[in-house]
């Protein structure tokens, strides 16, 4: 079966629609989402609705948690806090309940899902050292993560004490090998930060044992115009043009 893997949508409807359009023609059997459906961008309800329509196995991201937990706002910088407060005000009660019910981790068909690090749900995994606690905690060969908005993957050879980091800016394709384990970040749909402005997503084929990280162009200008129209911070709109 092929899995369509998305993460860090952050309320960016044009990016999500473009990604789902790409996945639609790939015979996807199941969708997985690594959290942060909302935050930063101006379509939180529409993005929640699409993810729910997919019957997508989804874990809770830190922005998802923050919109339902009033005590989380202090953990964000000034611009992120501003978008968080806007999202709280505009998110429907139904979608607030949906996000509040999401788990921090899941195992689906022998695939582990979490937003950040498996032992610490909102810890960043951006180096081999930071990836090792997840390798130590996972009980499956593959763990999919998000949170950093970087497309990359880590692999650990059986018997080794240190994993290897592979960057996937621009996309990548690789095989899943026996006696190796993998922590895979397919990048961000709605706010890439790895220098590539295109929306990022993944496709995993468990029969061919192949993983692909893909990028697709979306209408950034439309997102920026809507962000400014509804009063979201200009700095958050500008960064989409640079992939940071």
C-alpha atoms as a PDB file:
ATOM      1  CA  UNK A   1       0.000   0.000   0.000  1.00  0.00           C
ATOM      2  CA  UNK A   2       1.033   3.575  -0.603  1.00  0.00           C
ATOM      3  CA  UNK A   3       0.856   6.106   2.206  1.00  0.00           C
ATOM      4  CA  UNK A   4       0.493   9.837   1.618  1.00  0.00           C
ATOM      5  CA  UNK A   5       2.371  11.659   4.372  1.00  0.00           C
ATOM      6  CA  UNK A   6       1.794  15.294   5.277  1.00  0.00           C
ATOM      7  CA  UNK A   7       2.839  17.516   8.158  1.00  0.00           C
ATOM      8  CA  UNK A   8       2.938  21.095   9.392  1.00  0.00           C
ATOM      9  CA  UNK A   9       0.097  22.316   7.200  1.00  0.00           C
ATOM     10  CA  UNK A  10      -0.309  25.351   9.454  1.00  0.00           C
ATOM     11  CA  UNK A  11      -3.585  26.556   8.007  1.00  0.00           C
ATOM     12  CA  UNK A  12      -2.166  26.962   4.485  1.00  0.00           C
ATOM     13  CA  UNK A  13      -5.084  25.866   2.323  1.00  0.00           C
ATOM     14  CA  UNK A  14      -3.570  26.546  -1.144  1.00  0.00           C
ATOM     15  CA  UNK A  15      -0.495  24.481  -0.249  1.00  0.00           C
ATOM     16  CA  UNK A  16      -2.582  21.629   1.165  1.00  0.00           C
ATOM     17  CA  UNK A  17      -4.894  21.558  -1.844  1.00  0.00           C
ATOM     18  CA  UNK A  18      -1.908  21.423  -4.186  1.00  0.00           C
ATOM     19  CA  UNK A  19      -0.292  18.585  -2.233  1.00  0.00           C
ATOM     20  CA  UNK A  20      -3.515  16.589  -2.112  1.00  0.00           C
ATOM     21  CA  UNK A  21      -3.933  17.125  -5.836  1.00  0.00           C
ATOM     22  CA  UNK A  22      -0.500  15.583  -6.392  1.00  0.00           C
ATOM     23  CA  UNK A  23      -1.287  12.653  -4.093  1.00  0.00           C
ATOM     24  CA  UNK A  24      -4.677  12.011  -5.697  1.00  0.00           C
ATOM     25  CA  UNK A  25      -3.096  10.437  -8.770  1.00  0.00           C
ATOM     26  CA  UNK A  26      -0.689   8.189  -6.860  1.00  0.00           C
ATOM     27  CA  UNK A  27      -3.064   5.443  -5.695  1.00  0.00           C
ATOM     28  CA  UNK A  28      -2.765   6.381  -2.040  1.00  0.00           C
ATOM     29  CA  UNK A  29      -4.340   3.824   0.294  1.00  0.00           C
ATOM     30  CA  UNK A  30      -3.950   5.709   3.564  1.00  0.00           C
ATOM     31  CA  UNK A  31      -3.005   9.207   4.705  1.00  0.00           C
ATOM     32  CA  UNK A  32      -0.806  10.066   7.670  1.00  0.00           C
ATOM     33  CA  UNK A  33      -0.402  13.522   9.238  1.00  0.00           C
ATOM     34  CA  UNK A  34       2.383  14.440  11.660  1.00  0.00           C
ATOM     35  CA  UNK A  35       0.612  17.358  13.287  1.00  0.00           C
ATOM     36  CA  UNK A  36       0.302  21.143  13.241  1.00  0.00           C
ATOM     37  CA  UNK A  37      -2.761  21.266  11.041  1.00  0.00           C
ATOM     38  CA  UNK A  38      -3.264  24.872  12.187  1.00  0.00           C
ATOM     39  CA  UNK A  39      -1.207  27.957  13.016  1.00  0.00           C
ATOM     40  CA  UNK A  40       0.521  30.759  11.076  1.00  0.00           C
ATOM     41  CA  UNK A  41      -1.813  30.854   8.058  1.00  0.00           C
ATOM     42  CA  UNK A  42      -5.445  31.960   7.641  1.00  0.00           C
ATOM     43  CA  UNK A  43      -7.424  28.780   6.852  1.00  0.00           C
ATOM     44  CA  UNK A  44      -7.441  26.690  10.055  1.00  0.00           C
ATOM     45  CA  UNK A  45     -11.006  25.418   9.696  1.00  0.00           C
ATOM     46  CA  UNK A  46     -10.693  24.554   6.013  1.00  0.00           C
ATOM     47  CA  UNK A  47      -7.475  22.630   6.625  1.00  0.00           C
ATOM     48  CA  UNK A  48      -8.986  20.732   9.553  1.00  0.00           C
ATOM     49  CA  UNK A  49     -11.954  19.842   7.375  1.00  0.00           C
ATOM     50  CA  UNK A  50      -9.776  18.445   4.587  1.00  0.00           C
ATOM     51  CA  UNK A  51      -7.643  16.369   6.948  1.00  0.00           C
ATOM     52  CA  UNK A  52     -10.755  14.987   8.611  1.00  0.00           C
ATOM     53  CA  UNK A  53     -12.332  14.142   5.251  1.00  0.00           C
ATOM     54  CA  UNK A  54      -9.259  12.067   4.391  1.00  0.00           C
ATOM     55  CA  UNK A  55      -9.819   9.907   7.501  1.00  0.00           C
ATOM     56  CA  UNK A  56      -6.185  10.726   8.095  1.00  0.00           C
ATOM     57  CA  UNK A  57      -4.263   9.147  10.993  1.00  0.00           C
ATOM     58  CA  UNK A  58      -3.073  12.330  12.728  1.00  0.00           C
ATOM     59  CA  UNK A  59      -0.983  13.187  15.773  1.00  0.00           C
ATOM     60  CA  UNK A  60      -1.069  16.431  17.719  1.00  0.00           C
ATOM     61  CA  UNK A  61       1.450  19.186  16.977  1.00  0.00           C
ATOM     62  CA  UNK A  62       2.471  21.966  19.340  1.00  0.00           C
ATOM     63  CA  UNK A  63       0.306  24.519  17.497  1.00  0.00           C
ATOM     64  CA  UNK A  64      -2.648  22.130  17.590  1.00  0.00           C
ATOM     65  CA  UNK A  65      -2.163  21.818  21.340  1.00  0.00           C
ATOM     66  CA  UNK A  66      -1.679  25.538  21.869  1.00  0.00           C
ATOM     67  CA  UNK A  67      -5.022  26.475  20.345  1.00  0.00           C
ATOM     68  CA  UNK A  68      -6.835  24.275  22.863  1.00  0.00           C
ATOM     69  CA  UNK A  69      -4.591  24.956  25.888  1.00  0.00           C
ATOM     70  CA  UNK A  70      -4.629  28.560  27.053  1.00  0.00           C
ATOM     71  CA  UNK A  71      -1.397  28.053  28.985  1.00  0.00           C
ATOM     72  CA  UNK A  72       0.752  27.437  25.895  1.00  0.00           C
ATOM     73  CA  UNK A  73       0.903  30.957  24.433  1.00  0.00           C
ATOM     74  CA  UNK A  74       4.027  31.938  26.374  1.00  0.00           C
ATOM     75  CA  UNK A  75       6.024  29.237  24.583  1.00  0.00           C
ATOM     76  CA  UNK A  76       5.800  31.113  21.258  1.00  0.00           C
ATOM     77  CA  UNK A  77       7.688  34.117  19.891  1.00  0.00           C
ATOM     78  CA  UNK A  78       5.817  37.376  19.388  1.00  0.00           C
ATOM     79  CA  UNK A  79       4.727  36.755  15.774  1.00  0.00           C
ATOM     80  CA  UNK A  80       3.828  33.112  16.363  1.00  0.00           C
ATOM     81  CA  UNK A  81       1.855  34.123  19.460  1.00  0.00           C
ATOM     82  CA  UNK A  82      -0.077  36.652  17.401  1.00  0.00           C
ATOM     83  CA  UNK A  83      -1.034  34.009  14.845  1.00  0.00           C
ATOM     84  CA  UNK A  84      -1.907  31.600  17.665  1.00  0.00           C
ATOM     85  CA  UNK A  85      -4.319  34.065  19.246  1.00  0.00           C
ATOM     86  CA  UNK A  86      -5.901  34.778  15.840  1.00  0.00           C
ATOM     87  CA  UNK A  87      -6.335  31.038  15.234  1.00  0.00           C
ATOM     88  CA  UNK A  88      -7.968  30.560  18.631  1.00  0.00           C
ATOM     89  CA  UNK A  89     -10.474  33.281  17.847  1.00  0.00           C
ATOM     90  CA  UNK A  90     -11.321  31.901  14.415  1.00  0.00           C
ATOM     91  CA  UNK A  91     -11.257  28.141  15.002  1.00  0.00           C
ATOM     92  CA  UNK A  92     -14.656  26.472  15.234  1.00  0.00           C
ATOM     93  CA  UNK A  93     -15.671  24.637  18.410  1.00  0.00           C
ATOM     94  CA  UNK A  94     -15.901  21.410  16.410  1.00  0.00           C
ATOM     95  CA  UNK A  95     -12.349  21.706  15.135  1.00  0.00           C
ATOM     96  CA  UNK A  96     -11.078  22.741  18.554  1.00  0.00           C
ATOM     97  CA  UNK A  97     -12.506  19.502  19.933  1.00  0.00           C
ATOM     98  CA  UNK A  98     -10.989  17.533  17.048  1.00  0.00           C
ATOM     99  CA  UNK A  99      -7.487  18.918  17.688  1.00  0.00           C
ATOM    100  CA  UNK A 100      -7.830  18.438  21.434  1.00  0.00           C
ATOM    101  CA  UNK A 101      -8.585  14.750  20.958  1.00  0.00           C
ATOM    102  CA  UNK A 102      -5.488  14.018  18.833  1.00  0.00           C
ATOM    103  CA  UNK A 103      -2.833  11.781  20.449  1.00  0.00           C
ATOM    104  CA  UNK A 104       0.847  12.723  20.728  1.00  0.00           C
ATOM    105  CA  UNK A 105       1.932   9.514  18.991  1.00  0.00           C
ATOM    106  CA  UNK A 106       0.450   6.612  17.058  1.00  0.00           C
ATOM    107  CA  UNK A 107       1.502   3.314  15.531  1.00  0.00           C
ATOM    108  CA  UNK A 108      -0.264   2.651  12.226  1.00  0.00           C
ATOM    109  CA  UNK A 109       0.506  -0.524  10.249  1.00  0.00           C
ATOM    110  CA  UNK A 110       3.940  -0.842  11.917  1.00  0.00           C
ATOM    111  CA  UNK A 111       4.714   2.830  11.238  1.00  0.00           C
ATOM    112  CA  UNK A 112       5.293   5.127  14.221  1.00  0.00           C
ATOM    113  CA  UNK A 113       3.994   8.698  14.023  1.00  0.00           C
ATOM    114  CA  UNK A 114       4.897  11.658  16.239  1.00  0.00           C
ATOM    115  CA  UNK A 115       5.258  15.399  15.793  1.00  0.00           C
ATOM    116  CA  UNK A 116       8.687  16.089  17.278  1.00  0.00           C
ATOM    117  CA  UNK A 117      10.704  13.543  19.229  1.00  0.00           C
ATOM    118  CA  UNK A 118       9.035  10.304  20.278  1.00  0.00           C
ATOM    119  CA  UNK A 119      10.005  10.641  23.980  1.00  0.00           C
ATOM    120  CA  UNK A 120       9.286  14.409  23.985  1.00  0.00           C
ATOM    121  CA  UNK A 121       6.401  15.278  21.648  1.00  0.00           C
ATOM    122  CA  UNK A 122       7.500  18.845  20.892  1.00  0.00           C
ATOM    123  CA  UNK A 123      11.299  18.517  20.994  1.00  0.00           C
ATOM    124  CA  UNK A 124      13.057  19.355  17.722  1.00  0.00           C
ATOM    125  CA  UNK A 125      14.944  16.649  15.839  1.00  0.00           C
ATOM    126  CA  UNK A 126      17.467  18.469  13.644  1.00  0.00           C
ATOM    127  CA  UNK A 127      20.695  16.522  14.180  1.00  0.00           C
ATOM    128  CA  UNK A 128      21.859  12.919  14.642  1.00  0.00           C
ATOM    129  CA  UNK A 129      22.246  13.512  18.367  1.00  0.00           C
ATOM    130  CA  UNK A 130      18.659  14.768  18.636  1.00  0.00           C
ATOM    131  CA  UNK A 131      17.377  11.821  16.580  1.00  0.00           C
ATOM    132  CA  UNK A 132      18.854   9.130  18.836  1.00  0.00           C
ATOM    133  CA  UNK A 133      16.220   9.308  21.630  1.00  0.00           C
ATOM    134  CA  UNK A 134      13.533   8.566  19.037  1.00  0.00           C
ATOM    135  CA  UNK A 135      15.502   5.607  17.672  1.00  0.00           C
ATOM    136  CA  UNK A 136      15.865   4.306  21.234  1.00  0.00           C
ATOM    137  CA  UNK A 137      12.136   4.691  21.941  1.00  0.00           C
ATOM    138  CA  UNK A 138      10.624   3.427  18.678  1.00  0.00           C
ATOM    139  CA  UNK A 139       9.546  -0.210  18.303  1.00  0.00           C
ATOM    140  CA  UNK A 140       9.046  -0.150  14.547  1.00  0.00           C
ATOM    141  CA  UNK A 141      11.513   0.139  11.678  1.00  0.00           C
ATOM    142  CA  UNK A 142      10.201   3.540  10.579  1.00  0.00           C
ATOM    143  CA  UNK A 143       9.119   6.612  12.493  1.00  0.00           C
ATOM    144  CA  UNK A 144       7.677   9.641  10.703  1.00  0.00           C
ATOM    145  CA  UNK A 145       8.131  13.053  12.352  1.00  0.00           C
ATOM    146  CA  UNK A 146       7.539  16.739  11.585  1.00  0.00           C
ATOM    147  CA  UNK A 147       7.980  19.959  13.598  1.00  0.00           C
ATOM    148  CA  UNK A 148      11.282  21.289  12.157  1.00  0.00           C
ATOM    149  CA  UNK A 149       9.816  22.039   8.693  1.00  0.00           C
ATOM    150  CA  UNK A 150      12.976  20.491   7.182  1.00  0.00           C
ATOM    151  CA  UNK A 151      12.782  17.639   4.669  1.00  0.00           C
ATOM    152  CA  UNK A 152      15.373  15.058   5.747  1.00  0.00           C
ATOM    153  CA  UNK A 153      15.818  11.589   7.141  1.00  0.00           C
ATOM    154  CA  UNK A 154      18.018   9.701   9.596  1.00  0.00           C
ATOM    155  CA  UNK A 155      19.055   6.079   9.370  1.00  0.00           C
ATOM    156  CA  UNK A 156      20.612   3.825  11.968  1.00  0.00           C
ATOM    157  CA  UNK A 157      22.438   0.629  11.078  1.00  0.00           C
ATOM    158  CA  UNK A 158      21.807  -2.232  13.469  1.00  0.00           C
ATOM    159  CA  UNK A 159      24.637  -2.370  15.990  1.00  0.00           C
ATOM    160  CA  UNK A 160      25.767   1.218  15.414  1.00  0.00           C
ATOM    161  CA  UNK A 161      25.682   3.866  18.138  1.00  0.00           C
ATOM    162  CA  UNK A 162      25.169   6.896  15.891  1.00  0.00           C
ATOM    163  CA  UNK A 163      22.722   7.537  13.077  1.00  0.00           C
ATOM    164  CA  UNK A 164      23.386   9.212   9.727  1.00  0.00           C
ATOM    165  CA  UNK A 165      21.554  12.369   8.635  1.00  0.00           C
ATOM    166  CA  UNK A 166      20.455  12.894   5.016  1.00  0.00           C
ATOM    167  CA  UNK A 167      19.095  16.250   3.825  1.00  0.00           C
ATOM    168  CA  UNK A 168      16.271  16.149   1.283  1.00  0.00           C
ATOM    169  CA  UNK A 169      15.865  19.772   0.251  1.00  0.00           C
ATOM    170  CA  UNK A 170      14.515  19.651  -3.287  1.00  0.00           C
ATOM    171  CA  UNK A 171      13.155  16.135  -2.775  1.00  0.00           C
ATOM    172  CA  UNK A 172      14.631  12.644  -2.487  1.00  0.00           C
ATOM    173  CA  UNK A 173      13.908   8.971  -3.055  1.00  0.00           C
ATOM    174  CA  UNK A 174      15.450   6.065  -1.176  1.00  0.00           C
ATOM    175  CA  UNK A 175      14.888   2.434  -0.308  1.00  0.00           C
ATOM    176  CA  UNK A 176      14.137   1.001   3.111  1.00  0.00           C
ATOM    177  CA  UNK A 177      16.828  -1.578   3.853  1.00  0.00           C
ATOM    178  CA  UNK A 178      16.783  -4.513   6.242  1.00  0.00           C
ATOM    179  CA  UNK A 179      18.835  -4.120   9.429  1.00  0.00           C
ATOM    180  CA  UNK A 180      18.400  -0.341   9.279  1.00  0.00           C
ATOM    181  CA  UNK A 181      15.871   1.850  11.043  1.00  0.00           C
ATOM    182  CA  UNK A 182      14.615   5.220   9.839  1.00  0.00           C
ATOM    183  CA  UNK A 183      13.367   8.494  11.300  1.00  0.00           C
ATOM    184  CA  UNK A 184      11.862  10.409   8.381  1.00  0.00           C
ATOM    185  CA  UNK A 185      10.780  14.038   8.184  1.00  0.00           C
ATOM    186  CA  UNK A 186       8.913  14.698   4.935  1.00  0.00           C
ATOM    187  CA  UNK A 187       9.023  18.465   5.488  1.00  0.00           C
ATOM    188  CA  UNK A 188       6.275  21.039   5.799  1.00  0.00           C
ATOM    189  CA  UNK A 189       3.230  21.512   3.607  1.00  0.00           C
ATOM    190  CA  UNK A 190       2.428  25.032   4.759  1.00  0.00           C
ATOM    191  CA  UNK A 191       5.634  26.745   5.884  1.00  0.00           C
ATOM    192  CA  UNK A 192       8.871  25.154   4.583  1.00  0.00           C
ATOM    193  CA  UNK A 193      12.020  26.313   6.358  1.00  0.00           C
ATOM    194  CA  UNK A 194      14.730  24.440   4.455  1.00  0.00           C
ATOM    195  CA  UNK A 195      15.298  27.105   1.812  1.00  0.00           C
ATOM    196  CA  UNK A 196      12.862  25.593  -0.696  1.00  0.00           C
ATOM    197  CA  UNK A 197       9.595  27.536  -0.902  1.00  0.00           C
ATOM    198  CA  UNK A 198       7.660  24.631  -2.415  1.00  0.00           C
ATOM    199  CA  UNK A 199       5.265  22.584  -0.285  1.00  0.00           C
ATOM    200  CA  UNK A 200       6.834  19.328   0.878  1.00  0.00           C
ATOM    201  CA  UNK A 201       5.226  15.917   1.424  1.00  0.00           C
ATOM    202  CA  UNK A 202       6.012  12.206   1.364  1.00  0.00           C
ATOM    203  CA  UNK A 203       4.925   8.964  -0.284  1.00  0.00           C
ATOM    204  CA  UNK A 204       5.834   5.615   1.260  1.00  0.00           C
ATOM    205  CA  UNK A 205       5.240   2.305  -0.546  1.00  0.00           C
ATOM    206  CA  UNK A 206       5.400  -0.590   1.922  1.00  0.00           C
ATOM    207  CA  UNK A 207       5.374  -3.225  -0.832  1.00  0.00           C
ATOM    208  CA  UNK A 208       8.253  -1.752  -2.821  1.00  0.00           C
ATOM    209  CA  UNK A 209       9.832  -0.475   0.414  1.00  0.00           C
ATOM    210  CA  UNK A 210      10.511   2.898  -1.162  1.00  0.00           C
ATOM    211  CA  UNK A 211      10.197   6.359   0.337  1.00  0.00           C
ATOM    212  CA  UNK A 212       9.897   9.521  -1.713  1.00  0.00           C
ATOM    213  CA  UNK A 213       9.963  13.120  -0.500  1.00  0.00           C
ATOM    214  CA  UNK A 214       8.344  15.411  -3.048  1.00  0.00           C
ATOM    215  CA  UNK A 215       7.977  19.182  -3.549  1.00  0.00           C
ATOM    216  CA  UNK A 216       5.273  21.089  -5.378  1.00  0.00           C
ATOM    217  CA  UNK A 217       4.790  24.762  -6.248  1.00  0.00           C
ATOM    218  CA  UNK A 218       1.707  26.483  -4.837  1.00  0.00           C
ATOM    219  CA  UNK A 219       0.311  30.031  -4.968  1.00  0.00           C
ATOM    220  CA  UNK A 220       2.327  31.765  -2.247  1.00  0.00           C
ATOM    221  CA  UNK A 221       1.031  35.172  -3.301  1.00  0.00           C
ATOM    222  CA  UNK A 222      -2.551  34.165  -2.594  1.00  0.00           C
ATOM    223  CA  UNK A 223      -1.592  33.084   0.924  1.00  0.00           C
ATOM    224  CA  UNK A 224       0.333  36.281   1.602  1.00  0.00           C
ATOM    225  CA  UNK A 225      -2.511  38.503   0.421  1.00  0.00           C
ATOM    226  CA  UNK A 226      -5.023  36.692   2.614  1.00  0.00           C
ATOM    227  CA  UNK A 227      -2.700  36.808   5.621  1.00  0.00           C
ATOM    228  CA  UNK A 228      -2.380  40.563   5.334  1.00  0.00           C
ATOM    229  CA  UNK A 229      -6.093  41.003   4.668  1.00  0.00           C
ATOM    230  CA  UNK A 230      -7.078  39.271   7.914  1.00  0.00           C
ATOM    231  CA  UNK A 231      -4.370  41.034   9.920  1.00  0.00           C
ATOM    232  CA  UNK A 232      -1.780  38.311  10.457  1.00  0.00           C
ATOM    233  CA  UNK A 233       1.849  39.479  10.925  1.00  0.00           C
ATOM    234  CA  UNK A 234       3.591  40.691   7.770  1.00  0.00           C
ATOM    235  CA  UNK A 235       6.795  38.922   8.847  1.00  0.00           C
ATOM    236  CA  UNK A 236       5.013  35.579   8.691  1.00  0.00           C
ATOM    237  CA  UNK A 237       3.791  36.345   5.177  1.00  0.00           C
ATOM    238  CA  UNK A 238       7.202  37.468   3.928  1.00  0.00           C
ATOM    239  CA  UNK A 239       9.028  34.349   5.123  1.00  0.00           C
ATOM    240  CA  UNK A 240       6.985  32.160   2.752  1.00  0.00           C
ATOM    241  CA  UNK A 241       8.800  33.811  -0.171  1.00  0.00           C
ATOM    242  CA  UNK A 242      12.153  32.604   1.152  1.00  0.00           C
ATOM    243  CA  UNK A 243      11.397  29.190   2.590  1.00  0.00           C
ATOM    244  CA  UNK A 244      12.665  30.080   6.059  1.00  0.00           C
END
